[in-house]
């Protein structure tokens, strides 16, 4: 899987969903692996209400690495689209 630039919760959710499916896992499979409910996985994949601890469990379970770096510059209109 190539690197993916993620700037919104929705983008993170979509990336998690793509990776889960690429690994042949259902939401229920992933939920069981990380100790969460299937409904929580569904919410996270929609970019809604995730706790940091839950996200980190999912990152590890999907064999991702999380890297934080300074953001590339955006114009004012693009920043408004994030929020």
N, C-alpha and C. Protein backbone atom coordinates (compact mmCIF):
# COMPACT_ATOMS: atom_id res chain seq x y z
N UNK A 1 0.85 -1.19 0.00
CA UNK A 1 0.00 0.00 0.00
C UNK A 1 0.88 1.24 0.00
N UNK A 2 0.55 2.19 -0.84
CA UNK A 2 1.30 3.43 -0.91
C UNK A 2 0.99 4.32 0.28
N UNK A 3 1.84 5.31 0.48
CA UNK A 3 1.58 6.29 1.53
C UNK A 3 0.33 7.09 1.17
N UNK A 4 -0.41 7.46 2.19
CA UNK A 4 -1.63 8.23 2.00
C UNK A 4 -1.60 9.46 2.89
N UNK A 5 -1.82 10.60 2.32
CA UNK A 5 -1.90 11.83 3.09
C UNK A 5 -3.30 11.93 3.68
N UNK A 6 -3.36 12.07 5.00
CA UNK A 6 -4.65 12.12 5.70
C UNK A 6 -4.73 13.43 6.46
N UNK A 7 -5.77 14.18 6.18
CA UNK A 7 -5.96 15.47 6.85
C UNK A 7 -7.30 15.59 7.55
N UNK A 8 -8.18 14.62 7.37
CA UNK A 8 -9.49 14.70 8.02
C UNK A 8 -9.85 13.35 8.63
N UNK A 9 -10.75 13.34 9.60
CA UNK A 9 -11.21 12.06 10.15
C UNK A 9 -11.84 11.16 9.09
N UNK A 10 -12.53 11.76 8.15
CA UNK A 10 -13.17 10.98 7.08
C UNK A 10 -12.13 10.28 6.19
N UNK A 11 -11.05 10.99 5.89
CA UNK A 11 -9.97 10.39 5.10
C UNK A 11 -9.31 9.24 5.87
N UNK A 12 -9.12 9.42 7.16
CA UNK A 12 -8.54 8.35 7.98
C UNK A 12 -9.46 7.15 7.99
N UNK A 13 -10.74 7.37 8.15
CA UNK A 13 -11.71 6.28 8.14
C UNK A 13 -11.71 5.51 6.84
N UNK A 14 -11.65 6.24 5.73
CA UNK A 14 -11.63 5.59 4.41
C UNK A 14 -10.36 4.77 4.22
N UNK A 15 -9.25 5.27 4.73
CA UNK A 15 -7.98 4.55 4.63
C UNK A 15 -8.02 3.28 5.45
N UNK A 16 -8.58 3.37 6.64
CA UNK A 16 -8.73 2.19 7.50
C UNK A 16 -9.61 1.15 6.81
N UNK A 17 -10.71 1.62 6.24
CA UNK A 17 -11.62 0.70 5.56
C UNK A 17 -10.95 0.01 4.37
N UNK A 18 -10.22 0.77 3.56
CA UNK A 18 -9.53 0.16 2.41
C UNK A 18 -8.52 -0.90 2.87
N UNK A 19 -7.77 -0.59 3.90
CA UNK A 19 -6.77 -1.54 4.40
C UNK A 19 -7.43 -2.79 4.97
N UNK A 20 -8.49 -2.59 5.74
CA UNK A 20 -9.21 -3.73 6.32
C UNK A 20 -9.69 -4.66 5.22
N UNK A 21 -10.29 -4.09 4.20
CA UNK A 21 -10.80 -4.91 3.09
C UNK A 21 -9.67 -5.58 2.33
N UNK A 22 -8.55 -4.87 2.13
CA UNK A 22 -7.40 -5.45 1.43
C UNK A 22 -6.84 -6.65 2.19
N UNK A 23 -6.97 -6.63 3.50
CA UNK A 23 -6.51 -7.75 4.32
C UNK A 23 -7.56 -8.85 4.44
N UNK A 24 -8.73 -8.64 3.82
CA UNK A 24 -9.79 -9.65 3.84
C UNK A 24 -10.51 -9.75 5.17
N UNK A 25 -10.53 -8.65 5.92
CA UNK A 25 -11.19 -8.63 7.23
C UNK A 25 -12.55 -7.96 7.14
N UNK A 26 -13.49 -8.49 7.90
CA UNK A 26 -14.76 -7.80 8.07
C UNK A 26 -14.62 -6.82 9.21
N UNK A 27 -15.60 -5.93 9.35
CA UNK A 27 -15.60 -5.04 10.51
C UNK A 27 -15.63 -5.85 11.80
N UNK A 28 -16.37 -6.92 11.80
CA UNK A 28 -16.47 -7.78 12.99
C UNK A 28 -15.13 -8.43 13.30
N UNK A 29 -14.41 -8.88 12.27
CA UNK A 29 -13.08 -9.46 12.47
C UNK A 29 -12.15 -8.45 13.14
N UNK A 30 -12.10 -7.26 12.57
CA UNK A 30 -11.22 -6.22 13.10
C UNK A 30 -11.62 -5.83 14.51
N UNK A 31 -12.92 -5.70 14.73
CA UNK A 31 -13.41 -5.35 16.06
C UNK A 31 -12.96 -6.37 17.10
N UNK A 32 -13.07 -7.65 16.77
CA UNK A 32 -12.65 -8.69 17.69
C UNK A 32 -11.16 -8.65 17.98
N UNK A 33 -10.38 -8.35 16.97
CA UNK A 33 -8.93 -8.29 17.12
C UNK A 33 -8.51 -7.16 18.06
N UNK A 34 -9.18 -6.04 17.96
CA UNK A 34 -8.76 -4.86 18.74
C UNK A 34 -9.60 -4.63 20.00
N UNK A 35 -10.57 -5.50 20.24
CA UNK A 35 -11.37 -5.38 21.46
C UNK A 35 -12.40 -4.27 21.43
N UNK A 36 -12.96 -4.01 20.26
CA UNK A 36 -14.00 -3.00 20.12
C UNK A 36 -15.24 -3.65 19.53
N UNK A 37 -16.33 -2.93 19.51
CA UNK A 37 -17.54 -3.42 18.88
C UNK A 37 -17.54 -3.13 17.39
N UNK A 38 -18.27 -3.91 16.63
CA UNK A 38 -18.38 -3.69 15.18
C UNK A 38 -18.92 -2.30 14.89
N UNK A 39 -19.86 -1.83 15.70
CA UNK A 39 -20.44 -0.50 15.48
C UNK A 39 -19.38 0.60 15.62
N UNK A 40 -18.43 0.40 16.51
CA UNK A 40 -17.35 1.36 16.69
C UNK A 40 -16.46 1.40 15.45
N UNK A 41 -16.15 0.23 14.89
CA UNK A 41 -15.36 0.19 13.66
C UNK A 41 -16.11 0.92 12.54
N UNK A 42 -17.40 0.70 12.45
CA UNK A 42 -18.21 1.36 11.44
C UNK A 42 -18.15 2.89 11.60
N UNK A 43 -18.27 3.37 12.82
CA UNK A 43 -18.20 4.81 13.09
C UNK A 43 -16.85 5.37 12.68
N UNK A 44 -15.79 4.68 13.05
CA UNK A 44 -14.44 5.14 12.72
C UNK A 44 -14.25 5.19 11.21
N UNK A 45 -14.74 4.19 10.51
CA UNK A 45 -14.61 4.18 9.05
C UNK A 45 -15.41 5.30 8.39
N UNK A 46 -16.43 5.80 9.06
CA UNK A 46 -17.19 6.95 8.56
C UNK A 46 -16.54 8.27 8.98
N UNK A 47 -15.47 8.18 9.78
CA UNK A 47 -14.80 9.39 10.25
C UNK A 47 -15.48 10.03 11.43
N UNK A 48 -16.17 9.22 12.22
CA UNK A 48 -16.93 9.74 13.36
C UNK A 48 -16.36 9.22 14.68
N UNK A 49 -16.48 10.02 15.70
CA UNK A 49 -16.24 9.72 17.10
C UNK A 49 -15.28 8.61 17.49
N UNK A 50 -14.02 8.79 17.26
CA UNK A 50 -13.06 7.76 17.64
C UNK A 50 -12.17 8.26 18.77
N UNK A 51 -11.89 7.37 19.70
CA UNK A 51 -10.92 7.68 20.74
C UNK A 51 -9.53 7.37 20.20
N UNK A 52 -8.56 8.14 20.66
CA UNK A 52 -7.19 7.94 20.21
C UNK A 52 -6.70 6.53 20.50
N UNK A 53 -7.01 6.01 21.67
CA UNK A 53 -6.60 4.65 22.02
C UNK A 53 -7.17 3.63 21.04
N UNK A 54 -8.42 3.79 20.67
CA UNK A 54 -9.05 2.88 19.70
C UNK A 54 -8.36 2.97 18.35
N UNK A 55 -8.08 4.20 17.91
CA UNK A 55 -7.40 4.37 16.62
C UNK A 55 -6.02 3.72 16.63
N UNK A 56 -5.29 3.85 17.72
CA UNK A 56 -3.96 3.26 17.79
C UNK A 56 -4.03 1.74 17.76
N UNK A 57 -5.01 1.16 18.39
CA UNK A 57 -5.20 -0.29 18.32
C UNK A 57 -5.43 -0.74 16.88
N UNK A 58 -6.25 0.02 16.18
CA UNK A 58 -6.57 -0.31 14.78
C UNK A 58 -5.33 -0.15 13.91
N UNK A 59 -4.57 0.92 14.11
CA UNK A 59 -3.35 1.14 13.34
C UNK A 59 -2.41 -0.06 13.47
N UNK A 60 -2.22 -0.53 14.68
CA UNK A 60 -1.35 -1.67 14.92
C UNK A 60 -1.92 -2.95 14.29
N UNK A 61 -3.21 -3.18 14.47
CA UNK A 61 -3.84 -4.39 13.94
C UNK A 61 -3.78 -4.46 12.42
N UNK A 62 -3.82 -3.31 11.76
CA UNK A 62 -3.78 -3.27 10.30
C UNK A 62 -2.36 -3.17 9.77
N UNK A 63 -1.38 -3.27 10.67
CA UNK A 63 0.03 -3.24 10.30
C UNK A 63 0.41 -1.93 9.61
N UNK A 64 -0.13 -0.84 10.15
CA UNK A 64 0.22 0.51 9.69
C UNK A 64 1.27 1.10 10.62
N UNK A 65 1.94 2.13 10.14
CA UNK A 65 2.78 2.98 10.97
C UNK A 65 2.17 4.37 10.92
N UNK A 66 2.20 5.04 12.02
CA UNK A 66 1.68 6.41 12.07
C UNK A 66 2.86 7.35 12.15
N UNK A 67 2.92 8.30 11.23
CA UNK A 67 3.99 9.27 11.21
C UNK A 67 3.36 10.66 11.23
N UNK A 68 3.88 11.52 12.08
CA UNK A 68 3.40 12.89 12.13
C UNK A 68 4.54 13.79 11.68
N UNK A 69 4.22 14.70 10.78
CA UNK A 69 5.23 15.62 10.26
C UNK A 69 4.58 16.97 10.03
N UNK A 70 5.37 18.00 9.86
CA UNK A 70 4.77 19.31 9.57
C UNK A 70 3.94 19.24 8.30
N UNK A 71 2.82 19.91 8.33
CA UNK A 71 1.88 19.91 7.22
C UNK A 71 2.43 20.74 6.06
N UNK A 72 2.18 20.29 4.86
CA UNK A 72 2.50 21.10 3.70
C UNK A 72 1.54 22.27 3.67
N UNK A 73 1.97 23.34 3.12
CA UNK A 73 1.15 24.56 3.11
C UNK A 73 -0.11 24.40 2.27
N UNK A 74 -1.19 24.99 2.80
CA UNK A 74 -2.47 25.00 2.09
C UNK A 74 -2.94 26.44 2.03
N UNK A 75 -3.79 26.73 1.07
CA UNK A 75 -4.36 28.08 1.08
C UNK A 75 -5.56 28.10 2.02
N UNK A 76 -6.03 29.27 2.33
CA UNK A 76 -7.10 29.45 3.31
C UNK A 76 -8.36 28.68 2.96
N UNK A 77 -8.74 28.62 1.70
CA UNK A 77 -9.94 27.91 1.29
C UNK A 77 -9.83 26.42 1.59
N UNK A 78 -8.68 25.84 1.37
CA UNK A 78 -8.49 24.41 1.62
C UNK A 78 -8.57 24.10 3.11
N UNK A 79 -8.03 24.97 3.95
CA UNK A 79 -8.09 24.74 5.39
C UNK A 79 -9.54 24.74 5.85
N UNK A 80 -10.37 25.63 5.31
CA UNK A 80 -11.77 25.68 5.67
C UNK A 80 -12.51 24.41 5.31
N UNK A 81 -12.08 23.74 4.25
CA UNK A 81 -12.73 22.49 3.83
C UNK A 81 -12.49 21.34 4.81
N UNK A 82 -11.38 21.40 5.55
CA UNK A 82 -11.07 20.35 6.52
C UNK A 82 -12.08 20.37 7.66
N UNK A 83 -12.44 21.56 8.09
CA UNK A 83 -13.34 21.69 9.24
C UNK A 83 -14.71 22.05 8.76
